[in-house]
């Protein structure tokens, strides 16, 4: 087996334990079926371009992007644990190079991102199927958002894991950062009607672009804006991946 695939297999084996899988399923279900319907009494409909979505459909589609982001925490956790337990040194002493290690992490977060997107789409489909407008661009847009978003947030998690030395600092920073990404975005509520400062913060958050592209793919509300959002998402993914790769290539043994 090629060394990169051996490392990918190792990453998936140590990451996809039963606790992680249950968390990736139960957490979105709670938000979609509990919070989604509970808030319907307060939020009757949500504007999305020229369409109006009920809140369960809005949050179910938002959870696709959220779960992609959340699942890519694995990238940072793998690197952190490898450094903490001396596995990084052992891998490099073995028949593996830094480039293969980095590439295996890219493949890992890409696979997990796609699986996560497919899983939440399947769970949420009964909720938003009445508003769905699938077409030839649906799958490419969702796949694009899944892969780009996974690389972007996986790179951010990797950067955090390479810069911090204490487990307490790592947990505080990574959880705080991803909590900000989650709730200061359009994953749970629209930017329309929000206070100007908060609405501006939404569009400084890459999760907003990830969620918007996924929603456009599912609900078919294609506008010129989505093209700009895809470009921004791609540029951010390239920048953060470049930074993460540089830091990993210089990581001391």
Foldseek 3Di string as FASTA:
>chain_A
DPLLVVLLVVLCVVQPDPVVVCCLQVVLCCCLVPVQVVCCVVFVWADDQPDIHRRSLLLLLLVLLLSLLVQLLSLLVVLLVCVVVVVVVVQCVPPDHLVSNLVSSLVNSLVSLVVSNVSSCVVSCVVNVVQFDADPCLVVLLSLLSSLSSLLSNLVSLVLSLPDDDPVSSVVVNVVVSVCLSPLESNNHDLPPDPPVSSVSRVVRLSNLSSSSNCCSTNVNDDPVNVVSSVVSNVSSVVSNVVSSVSSNPRDD
